[in-house]
Amino acid sequence: MTIEDAIDLMKNKDERGLSFIYDHYSRSLFGIILSIVKSEKLGEEILQQTFLKIWKNIHTYDNNKSTIFTWMARIARNSAIDQ
């Protein structure tokens, strides 16, 4: 499966796409979150919230504006700052 395939699956509300994206990007997104909140426990909660936001808002992702990682990193960063 490619990243593009996973995005298409997610846009069709297929959880296999989310699982693929999580496996490929959760460690990097957790690093971004952890650099802001400095707490692993809080970071894990924010990571979970981040993936819920990604799942709910994947229809707003536009690959002409940014890469999927940049889009998700922005969500992760903003979620961490909001905490």
N, C-alpha and C. Protein backbone atom coordinates (compact mmCIF):
# COMPACT_ATOMS: atom_id res chain seq x y z
N MET A 1 0.85 -1.18 0.00
CA MET A 1 0.00 0.00 0.00
C MET A 1 0.89 1.24 0.00
N THR A 2 0.48 2.24 -0.73
CA THR A 2 1.20 3.51 -0.74
C THR A 2 0.51 4.49 0.21
N ILE A 3 1.19 5.59 0.49
CA ILE A 3 0.60 6.64 1.31
C ILE A 3 -0.67 7.17 0.63
N GLU A 4 -0.61 7.34 -0.67
CA GLU A 4 -1.77 7.84 -1.41
C GLU A 4 -2.96 6.88 -1.29
N ASP A 5 -2.66 5.57 -1.36
CA ASP A 5 -3.73 4.57 -1.18
C ASP A 5 -4.34 4.69 0.21
N ALA A 6 -3.49 4.86 1.21
CA ALA A 6 -3.96 4.97 2.60
C ALA A 6 -4.84 6.21 2.76
N ILE A 7 -4.44 7.31 2.15
CA ILE A 7 -5.24 8.54 2.23
C ILE A 7 -6.61 8.32 1.59
N ASP A 8 -6.61 7.67 0.42
CA ASP A 8 -7.89 7.38 -0.24
C ASP A 8 -8.77 6.48 0.62
N LEU A 9 -8.18 5.47 1.26
CA LEU A 9 -8.95 4.61 2.15
C LEU A 9 -9.54 5.41 3.31
N MET A 10 -8.73 6.29 3.88
CA MET A 10 -9.22 7.10 4.99
C MET A 10 -10.36 8.02 4.55
N LYS A 11 -10.23 8.60 3.38
CA LYS A 11 -11.29 9.48 2.88
C LYS A 11 -12.59 8.70 2.67
N ASN A 12 -12.47 7.39 2.45
CA ASN A 12 -13.64 6.52 2.31
C ASN A 12 -14.01 5.85 3.63
N LYS A 13 -13.43 6.37 4.73
CA LYS A 13 -13.69 5.90 6.10
C LYS A 13 -13.34 4.42 6.29
N ASP A 14 -12.26 4.00 5.65
CA ASP A 14 -11.73 2.65 5.81
C ASP A 14 -10.57 2.70 6.79
N GLU A 15 -10.71 2.04 7.93
CA GLU A 15 -9.73 2.12 9.01
C GLU A 15 -8.37 1.53 8.63
N ARG A 16 -8.30 0.73 7.58
CA ARG A 16 -7.00 0.19 7.15
C ARG A 16 -6.06 1.33 6.74
N GLY A 17 -6.61 2.37 6.18
CA GLY A 17 -5.80 3.53 5.80
C GLY A 17 -5.24 4.23 7.03
N LEU A 18 -6.06 4.39 8.05
CA LEU A 18 -5.61 5.02 9.28
C LEU A 18 -4.53 4.19 9.95
N SER A 19 -4.71 2.90 9.96
CA SER A 19 -3.72 2.00 10.56
C SER A 19 -2.37 2.12 9.85
N PHE A 20 -2.40 2.18 8.53
CA PHE A 20 -1.18 2.32 7.74
C PHE A 20 -0.49 3.65 8.05
N ILE A 21 -1.26 4.72 8.06
CA ILE A 21 -0.72 6.06 8.35
C ILE A 21 -0.15 6.09 9.77
N TYR A 22 -0.87 5.50 10.71
CA TYR A 22 -0.39 5.47 12.09
C TYR A 22 0.95 4.74 12.18
N ASP A 23 1.03 3.58 11.56
CA ASP A 23 2.27 2.80 11.59
C ASP A 23 3.45 3.57 11.00
N HIS A 24 3.19 4.37 9.99
CA HIS A 24 4.27 5.09 9.30
C HIS A 24 4.64 6.43 9.95
N TYR A 25 3.72 7.06 10.63
CA TYR A 25 3.97 8.42 11.09
C TYR A 25 3.82 8.67 12.59
N SER A 26 3.31 7.73 13.34
CA SER A 26 3.04 8.01 14.76
C SER A 26 4.31 8.34 15.54
N ARG A 27 5.39 7.67 15.25
CA ARG A 27 6.63 7.93 15.99
C ARG A 27 7.12 9.37 15.75
N SER A 28 7.07 9.82 14.52
CA SER A 28 7.50 11.18 14.20
C SER A 28 6.57 12.22 14.81
N LEU A 29 5.28 11.97 14.73
CA LEU A 29 4.32 12.91 15.31
C LEU A 29 4.45 12.96 16.82
N PHE A 30 4.70 11.81 17.44
CA PHE A 30 4.90 11.76 18.88
C PHE A 30 6.12 12.59 19.26
N GLY A 31 7.18 12.55 18.46
CA GLY A 31 8.37 13.34 18.71
C GLY A 31 8.08 14.83 18.68
N ILE A 32 7.26 15.26 17.74
CA ILE A 32 6.87 16.67 17.65
C ILE A 32 6.09 17.06 18.90
N ILE A 33 5.14 16.23 19.27
CA ILE A 33 4.31 16.52 20.45
C ILE A 33 5.17 16.55 21.71
N LEU A 34 6.03 15.57 21.87
CA LEU A 34 6.85 15.46 23.06
C LEU A 34 7.81 16.64 23.21
N SER A 35 8.27 17.18 22.10
CA SER A 35 9.17 18.34 22.16
C SER A 35 8.46 19.57 22.72
N ILE A 36 7.14 19.56 22.67
CA ILE A 36 6.36 20.69 23.17
C ILE A 36 5.87 20.45 24.59
N VAL A 37 5.33 19.27 24.88
CA VAL A 37 4.71 19.05 26.19
C VAL A 37 5.63 18.43 27.23
N LYS A 38 6.70 17.79 26.83
CA LYS A 38 7.73 17.24 27.73
C LYS A 38 7.23 16.15 28.67
N SER A 39 6.06 15.61 28.44
CA SER A 39 5.51 14.55 29.27
C SER A 39 5.05 13.41 28.37
N GLU A 40 5.61 12.21 28.59
CA GLU A 40 5.23 11.09 27.73
C GLU A 40 3.76 10.73 27.86
N LYS A 41 3.25 10.73 29.08
CA LYS A 41 1.84 10.38 29.29
C LYS A 41 0.93 11.37 28.58
N LEU A 42 1.17 12.66 28.78
CA LEU A 42 0.37 13.68 28.10
C LEU A 42 0.59 13.60 26.59
N GLY A 43 1.82 13.34 26.18
CA GLY A 43 2.12 13.21 24.76
C GLY A 43 1.34 12.09 24.10
N GLU A 44 1.20 10.97 24.80
CA GLU A 44 0.43 9.84 24.26
C GLU A 44 -1.05 10.20 24.11
N GLU A 45 -1.58 10.94 25.08
CA GLU A 45 -2.97 11.38 24.99
C GLU A 45 -3.16 12.33 23.81
N ILE A 46 -2.22 13.24 23.64
CA ILE A 46 -2.32 14.20 22.54
C ILE A 46 -2.17 13.48 21.20
N LEU A 47 -1.29 12.48 21.14
CA LEU A 47 -1.13 11.71 19.90
C LEU A 47 -2.45 11.04 19.54
N GLN A 48 -3.13 10.47 20.52
CA GLN A 48 -4.42 9.85 20.26
C GLN A 48 -5.43 10.89 19.75
N GLN A 49 -5.46 12.05 20.39
CA GLN A 49 -6.35 13.13 19.95
C GLN A 49 -6.00 13.57 18.53
N THR A 50 -4.71 13.62 18.25
CA THR A 50 -4.24 14.03 16.93
C THR A 50 -4.77 13.09 15.86
N PHE A 51 -4.66 11.79 16.10
CA PHE A 51 -5.13 10.84 15.10
C PHE A 51 -6.66 10.85 14.97
N LEU A 52 -7.36 11.17 16.03
CA LEU A 52 -8.81 11.34 15.91
C LEU A 52 -9.13 12.55 15.03
N LYS A 53 -8.39 13.63 15.21
CA LYS A 53 -8.59 14.82 14.38
C LYS A 53 -8.25 14.52 12.92
N ILE A 54 -7.16 13.79 12.71
CA ILE A 54 -6.77 13.42 11.35
C ILE A 54 -7.89 12.60 10.70
N TRP A 55 -8.40 11.62 11.43
CA TRP A 55 -9.47 10.75 10.92
C TRP A 55 -10.72 11.57 10.58
N LYS A 56 -11.11 12.47 11.48
CA LYS A 56 -12.33 13.25 11.27
C LYS A 56 -12.18 14.30 10.18
N ASN A 57 -10.95 14.78 9.94
CA ASN A 57 -10.74 15.90 9.01
C ASN A 57 -9.97 15.53 7.75
N ILE A 58 -9.79 14.24 7.49
CA ILE A 58 -9.00 13.84 6.32
C ILE A 58 -9.61 14.39 5.02
N HIS A 59 -10.90 14.59 4.99
CA HIS A 59 -11.55 15.14 3.80
C HIS A 59 -11.07 16.56 3.47
N THR A 60 -10.47 17.25 4.45
CA THR A 60 -9.98 18.61 4.20
C THR A 60 -8.54 18.62 3.70
N TYR A 61 -7.88 17.46 3.73
CA TYR A 61 -6.49 17.40 3.27
C TYR A 61 -6.42 17.59 1.76
N ASP A 62 -5.53 18.48 1.33
CA ASP A 62 -5.33 18.76 -0.09
C ASP A 62 -3.86 18.57 -0.42
N ASN A 63 -3.56 17.53 -1.20
CA ASN A 63 -2.15 17.25 -1.51
C ASN A 63 -1.52 18.30 -2.43
N ASN A 64 -2.30 19.23 -2.94
CA ASN A 64 -1.74 20.33 -3.71
C ASN A 64 -1.20 21.44 -2.82
N LYS A 65 -1.60 21.43 -1.56
CA LYS A 65 -1.17 22.47 -0.62
C LYS A 65 -0.02 22.02 0.26
N SER A 66 0.04 20.74 0.61
CA SER A 66 1.11 20.24 1.48
C SER A 66 1.18 18.72 1.40
N THR A 67 2.24 18.17 1.93
CA THR A 67 2.34 16.72 2.03
C THR A 67 1.47 16.26 3.20
N ILE A 68 1.15 14.99 3.22
CA ILE A 68 0.34 14.47 4.33
C ILE A 68 1.08 14.64 5.65
N PHE A 69 2.40 14.44 5.64
CA PHE A 69 3.15 14.59 6.89
C PHE A 69 3.10 16.02 7.40
N THR A 70 3.28 16.99 6.53
CA THR A 70 3.23 18.40 6.93
C THR A 70 1.86 18.74 7.50
N TRP A 71 0.81 18.26 6.85
CA TRP A 71 -0.55 18.51 7.32
C TRP A 71 -0.77 17.90 8.70
N MET A 72 -0.36 16.65 8.87
CA MET A 72 -0.54 15.98 10.16
C MET A 72 0.35 16.59 11.24
N ALA A 73 1.56 16.99 10.88
CA ALA A 73 2.48 17.61 11.85
C ALA A 73 1.90 18.92 12.37
N ARG A 74 1.23 19.65 11.51
CA ARG A 74 0.60 20.89 11.93
C ARG A 74 -0.52 20.60 12.94
N ILE A 75 -1.29 19.56 12.68
CA ILE A 75 -2.36 19.18 13.62
C ILE A 75 -1.75 18.76 14.95
N ALA A 76 -0.69 17.95 14.91
CA ALA A 76 -0.03 17.48 16.13
C ALA A 76 0.54 18.66 16.92
N ARG A 77 1.22 19.55 16.24
CA ARG A 77 1.83 20.71 16.89
C ARG A 77 0.76 21.58 17.55
N ASN A 78 -0.29 21.87 16.81
CA ASN A 78 -1.36 22.71 17.35
C ASN A 78 -2.06 22.03 18.52
N SER A 79 -2.25 20.74 18.45
CA SER A 79 -2.87 20.00 19.56
C SER A 79 -2.00 20.08 20.80
N ALA A 80 -0.70 19.94 20.63
CA ALA A 80 0.21 20.02 21.77
C ALA A 80 0.24 21.42 22.37
N ILE A 81 0.25 22.43 21.53
CA ILE A 81 0.26 23.81 22.01
C ILE A 81 -1.04 24.12 22.77
N ASP A 82 -2.16 23.59 22.28
CA ASP A 82 -3.45 23.83 22.93
C ASP A 82 -3.50 23.23 24.33
N GLN A 83 -2.69 22.23 24.60
CA GLN A 83 -2.66 21.63 25.94
C GLN A 83 -1.86 22.52 26.86
